[in-house]
Amino acid sequence: MLTVNELLNRAKNEIQYLQENEMFLVRDLFKGYEWNRISHSDRLLLGTLFLNYVKTEDMGVSAIEKTSSGQQRYIKVENSNYVVKVINRRGV
């Protein structure tokens, strides 16, 4: 089984395959069976590490909102003004 840091690196690498303005969850960056094999505690840690990475690195991804189940939703952007428009439109 991969370590959480290895999982984080895989998630970061998958971002290149997303289209601009595409919304996603961290779990969307893994195949379904791969995500299901990650322990619950490692998924939580991976989510925290990914959010911290997004907040500290300029990689064209922004955290925008949480889902009703508490999962952080992200968007791949090139223009940060788009994120502001999405947040304002949703009243977040």
N, C-alpha and C. Protein backbone atom coordinates (compact mmCIF):
# COMPACT_ATOMS: atom_id res chain seq x y z
N MET A 1 0.84 -1.19 0.00
CA MET A 1 0.00 0.00 0.00
C MET A 1 0.88 1.25 0.00
N LEU A 2 0.43 2.25 -0.72
CA LEU A 2 1.19 3.50 -0.82
C LEU A 2 1.08 4.32 0.46
N THR A 3 2.11 5.11 0.75
CA THR A 3 2.04 6.02 1.88
C THR A 3 1.17 7.22 1.50
N VAL A 4 0.77 7.99 2.49
CA VAL A 4 -0.08 9.16 2.23
C VAL A 4 0.67 10.18 1.36
N ASN A 5 1.96 10.33 1.57
CA ASN A 5 2.74 11.26 0.73
C ASN A 5 2.79 10.79 -0.72
N GLU A 6 2.88 9.49 -0.94
CA GLU A 6 2.85 8.96 -2.30
C GLU A 6 1.48 9.18 -2.94
N LEU A 7 0.42 9.00 -2.14
CA LEU A 7 -0.93 9.26 -2.63
C LEU A 7 -1.11 10.73 -2.99
N LEU A 8 -0.54 11.61 -2.16
CA LEU A 8 -0.61 13.04 -2.43
C LEU A 8 0.09 13.37 -3.75
N ASN A 9 1.24 12.79 -3.98
CA ASN A 9 1.97 13.02 -5.23
C ASN A 9 1.17 12.53 -6.43
N ARG A 10 0.50 11.40 -6.29
CA ARG A 10 -0.33 10.89 -7.38
C ARG A 10 -1.49 11.84 -7.66
N ALA A 11 -2.11 12.36 -6.59
CA ALA A 11 -3.23 13.29 -6.76
C ALA A 11 -2.74 14.56 -7.46
N LYS A 12 -1.60 15.08 -7.06
CA LYS A 12 -1.04 16.28 -7.68
C LYS A 12 -0.75 16.05 -9.17
N ASN A 13 -0.26 14.87 -9.50
CA ASN A 13 0.04 14.55 -10.90
C ASN A 13 -1.22 14.46 -11.75
N GLU A 14 -2.32 14.03 -11.18
CA GLU A 14 -3.57 13.88 -11.93
C GLU A 14 -4.20 15.22 -12.31
N ILE A 15 -3.83 16.28 -11.62
CA ILE A 15 -4.41 17.60 -11.88
C ILE A 15 -4.16 18.04 -13.32
N GLN A 16 -3.04 17.62 -13.89
CA GLN A 16 -2.71 18.03 -15.25
C GLN A 16 -3.73 17.53 -16.28
N TYR A 17 -4.49 16.50 -15.94
CA TYR A 17 -5.46 15.93 -16.87
C TYR A 17 -6.84 16.58 -16.77
N LEU A 18 -7.01 17.47 -15.81
CA LEU A 18 -8.29 18.17 -15.66
C LEU A 18 -8.36 19.34 -16.62
N GLN A 19 -9.57 19.67 -17.02
CA GLN A 19 -9.76 20.83 -17.89
C GLN A 19 -9.93 22.07 -17.03
N GLU A 20 -9.65 23.22 -17.63
CA GLU A 20 -9.82 24.49 -16.93
C GLU A 20 -11.29 24.65 -16.51
N ASN A 21 -11.49 25.16 -15.30
CA ASN A 21 -12.81 25.39 -14.70
C ASN A 21 -13.56 24.10 -14.35
N GLU A 22 -12.86 22.98 -14.32
CA GLU A 22 -13.48 21.70 -13.94
C GLU A 22 -13.45 21.56 -12.42
N MET A 23 -14.60 21.23 -11.84
CA MET A 23 -14.69 21.03 -10.39
C MET A 23 -14.43 19.55 -10.08
N PHE A 24 -13.82 19.31 -8.91
CA PHE A 24 -13.49 17.93 -8.56
C PHE A 24 -13.32 17.79 -7.05
N LEU A 25 -13.38 16.55 -6.60
CA LEU A 25 -13.04 16.16 -5.24
C LEU A 25 -11.72 15.40 -5.30
N VAL A 26 -11.03 15.29 -4.19
CA VAL A 26 -9.76 14.55 -4.18
C VAL A 26 -9.99 13.12 -4.65
N ARG A 27 -11.09 12.52 -4.25
CA ARG A 27 -11.34 11.13 -4.64
C ARG A 27 -11.51 10.97 -6.15
N ASP A 28 -11.89 12.04 -6.85
CA ASP A 28 -12.03 11.98 -8.31
C ASP A 28 -10.69 11.82 -9.00
N LEU A 29 -9.61 12.07 -8.29
CA LEU A 29 -8.27 11.97 -8.86
C LEU A 29 -7.74 10.54 -8.84
N PHE A 30 -8.53 9.61 -8.31
CA PHE A 30 -8.16 8.19 -8.21
C PHE A 30 -9.23 7.34 -8.88
N LYS A 31 -8.84 6.19 -9.36
CA LYS A 31 -9.82 5.23 -9.85
C LYS A 31 -10.64 4.76 -8.66
N GLY A 32 -11.89 4.39 -8.89
CA GLY A 32 -12.80 4.00 -7.81
C GLY A 32 -12.24 2.92 -6.91
N TYR A 33 -11.70 1.86 -7.49
CA TYR A 33 -11.18 0.77 -6.68
C TYR A 33 -9.94 1.19 -5.91
N GLU A 34 -9.15 2.10 -6.48
CA GLU A 34 -7.97 2.59 -5.75
C GLU A 34 -8.39 3.38 -4.53
N TRP A 35 -9.37 4.28 -4.71
CA TRP A 35 -9.87 5.10 -3.60
C TRP A 35 -10.44 4.21 -2.50
N ASN A 36 -11.18 3.19 -2.87
CA ASN A 36 -11.80 2.29 -1.89
C ASN A 36 -10.78 1.50 -1.09
N ARG A 37 -9.61 1.31 -1.62
CA ARG A 37 -8.56 0.55 -0.93
C ARG A 37 -7.78 1.41 0.08
N ILE A 38 -7.95 2.71 0.02
CA ILE A 38 -7.27 3.61 0.96
C ILE A 38 -8.07 3.62 2.26
N SER A 39 -7.39 3.46 3.37
CA SER A 39 -8.08 3.44 4.66
C SER A 39 -8.74 4.80 4.93
N HIS A 40 -9.78 4.77 5.74
CA HIS A 40 -10.52 6.00 6.06
C HIS A 40 -9.60 7.05 6.67
N SER A 41 -8.75 6.63 7.58
CA SER A 41 -7.84 7.59 8.24
C SER A 41 -6.85 8.19 7.24
N ASP A 42 -6.37 7.39 6.30
CA ASP A 42 -5.45 7.92 5.28
C ASP A 42 -6.17 8.85 4.31
N ARG A 43 -7.45 8.58 4.02
CA ARG A 43 -8.23 9.47 3.16
C ARG A 43 -8.39 10.85 3.81
N LEU A 44 -8.68 10.84 5.10
CA LEU A 44 -8.83 12.10 5.83
C LEU A 44 -7.51 12.88 5.83
N LEU A 45 -6.42 12.19 6.10
CA LEU A 45 -5.11 12.84 6.10
C LEU A 45 -4.76 13.35 4.70
N LEU A 46 -5.04 12.55 3.69
CA LEU A 46 -4.78 12.96 2.31
C LEU A 46 -5.57 14.22 1.97
N GLY A 47 -6.82 14.29 2.38
CA GLY A 47 -7.64 15.48 2.13
C GLY A 47 -7.05 16.71 2.78
N THR A 48 -6.59 16.56 4.01
CA THR A 48 -5.97 17.68 4.73
C THR A 48 -4.68 18.13 4.05
N LEU A 49 -3.85 17.17 3.68
CA LEU A 49 -2.59 17.50 3.01
C LEU A 49 -2.82 18.16 1.65
N PHE A 50 -3.82 17.67 0.91
CA PHE A 50 -4.12 18.25 -0.39
C PHE A 50 -4.61 19.68 -0.24
N LEU A 51 -5.50 19.93 0.73
CA LEU A 51 -6.00 21.28 0.97
C LEU A 51 -4.86 22.22 1.35
N ASN A 52 -3.98 21.78 2.23
CA ASN A 52 -2.82 22.61 2.60
C ASN A 52 -1.92 22.89 1.41
N TYR A 53 -1.73 21.90 0.57
CA TYR A 53 -0.90 22.08 -0.63
C TYR A 53 -1.53 23.12 -1.56
N VAL A 54 -2.84 23.01 -1.78
CA VAL A 54 -3.55 23.96 -2.66
C VAL A 54 -3.45 25.37 -2.12
N LYS A 55 -3.54 25.52 -0.80
CA LYS A 55 -3.49 26.85 -0.19
C LYS A 55 -2.10 27.47 -0.23
N THR A 56 -1.07 26.65 -0.27
CA THR A 56 0.30 27.18 -0.19
C THR A 56 1.02 27.24 -1.53
N GLU A 57 0.56 26.50 -2.51
CA GLU A 57 1.22 26.47 -3.81
C GLU A 57 0.30 27.05 -4.87
N ASP A 58 0.88 27.81 -5.80
CA ASP A 58 0.12 28.34 -6.91
C ASP A 58 0.15 27.30 -8.03
N MET A 59 -0.84 26.41 -8.01
CA MET A 59 -0.87 25.32 -8.98
C MET A 59 -2.11 25.35 -9.85
N GLY A 60 -2.85 26.45 -9.83
CA GLY A 60 -4.04 26.56 -10.66
C GLY A 60 -5.23 25.82 -10.13
N VAL A 61 -5.25 25.54 -8.84
CA VAL A 61 -6.38 24.87 -8.20
C VAL A 61 -6.78 25.70 -6.99
N SER A 62 -8.09 25.85 -6.80
CA SER A 62 -8.61 26.59 -5.65
C SER A 62 -9.69 25.78 -4.96
N ALA A 63 -9.70 25.84 -3.64
CA ALA A 63 -10.78 25.24 -2.86
C ALA A 63 -11.97 26.19 -2.94
N ILE A 64 -13.17 25.65 -3.22
CA ILE A 64 -14.30 26.54 -3.39
C ILE A 64 -15.44 26.33 -2.40
N GLU A 65 -15.72 25.10 -2.03
CA GLU A 65 -16.86 24.85 -1.13
C GLU A 65 -16.77 23.43 -0.61
N LYS A 66 -17.58 23.14 0.38
CA LYS A 66 -17.69 21.77 0.87
C LYS A 66 -19.03 21.20 0.41
N THR A 67 -19.03 19.90 0.14
CA THR A 67 -20.27 19.24 -0.24
C THR A 67 -21.12 19.02 1.00
N SER A 68 -22.34 18.55 0.81
CA SER A 68 -23.22 18.29 1.96
C SER A 68 -22.65 17.19 2.86
N SER A 69 -21.77 16.35 2.33
CA SER A 69 -21.15 15.31 3.14
C SER A 69 -19.81 15.75 3.74
N GLY A 70 -19.47 17.03 3.57
CA GLY A 70 -18.27 17.57 4.21
C GLY A 70 -17.00 17.43 3.41
N GLN A 71 -17.09 16.99 2.16
CA GLN A 71 -15.90 16.86 1.33
C GLN A 71 -15.58 18.19 0.67
N GLN A 72 -14.31 18.52 0.64
CA GLN A 72 -13.88 19.78 0.02
C GLN A 72 -13.95 19.67 -1.49
N ARG A 73 -14.56 20.65 -2.12
CA ARG A 73 -14.63 20.69 -3.58
C ARG A 73 -13.60 21.70 -4.07
N TYR A 74 -12.98 21.37 -5.20
CA TYR A 74 -11.94 22.19 -5.79
C TYR A 74 -12.31 22.53 -7.22
N ILE A 75 -11.62 23.52 -7.76
CA ILE A 75 -11.78 23.86 -9.17
C ILE A 75 -10.40 24.15 -9.74
N LYS A 76 -10.18 23.67 -10.96
CA LYS A 76 -8.93 23.98 -11.65
C LYS A 76 -9.16 25.27 -12.42
N VAL A 77 -8.35 26.28 -12.12
CA VAL A 77 -8.52 27.59 -12.73
C VAL A 77 -7.20 28.13 -13.23
N GLU A 78 -7.29 29.01 -14.18
CA GLU A 78 -6.14 29.79 -14.61
C GLU A 78 -6.33 31.24 -14.18
N ASN A 79 -7.58 31.64 -14.05
CA ASN A 79 -7.92 33.02 -13.71
C ASN A 79 -8.62 33.02 -12.35
N SER A 80 -8.00 33.60 -11.34
CA SER A 80 -8.57 33.58 -9.99
C SER A 80 -9.87 34.36 -9.88
N ASN A 81 -10.16 35.26 -10.83
CA ASN A 81 -11.43 35.99 -10.81
C ASN A 81 -12.61 35.04 -10.97
N TYR A 82 -12.42 33.94 -11.68
CA TYR A 82 -13.49 32.98 -11.86
C TYR A 82 -13.93 32.40 -10.52
N VAL A 83 -12.98 32.11 -9.65
CA VAL A 83 -13.31 31.54 -8.34
C VAL A 83 -14.17 32.50 -7.55
N VAL A 84 -13.83 33.78 -7.58
CA VAL A 84 -14.61 34.78 -6.86
C VAL A 84 -16.04 34.81 -7.38
N LYS A 85 -16.22 34.73 -8.70
CA LYS A 85 -17.56 34.73 -9.29
C LYS A 85 -18.35 33.51 -8.84
N VAL A 86 -17.72 32.33 -8.84
CA VAL A 86 -18.40 31.10 -8.43
C VAL A 86 -18.82 31.20 -6.98
N ILE A 87 -17.94 31.66 -6.12
CA ILE A 87 -18.26 31.76 -4.69
C ILE A 87 -19.37 32.78 -4.47
N ASN A 88 -19.32 33.92 -5.12
CA ASN A 88 -20.35 34.92 -4.96
C ASN A 88 -21.70 34.44 -5.46
N ARG A 89 -21.70 33.73 -6.56
CA ARG A 89 -22.94 33.23 -7.14
C ARG A 89 -23.60 32.21 -6.21
N ARG A 90 -22.80 31.44 -5.50
CA ARG A 90 -23.34 30.41 -4.63
C ARG A 90 -23.60 30.92 -3.22
N GLY A 91 -23.19 32.11 -2.94
CA GLY A 91 -23.42 32.68 -1.62
C GLY A 91 -22.57 32.06 -0.53
N VAL A 92 -21.41 31.54 -0.90
CA VAL A 92 -20.50 30.91 0.07
C VAL A 92 -19.69 31.97 0.75
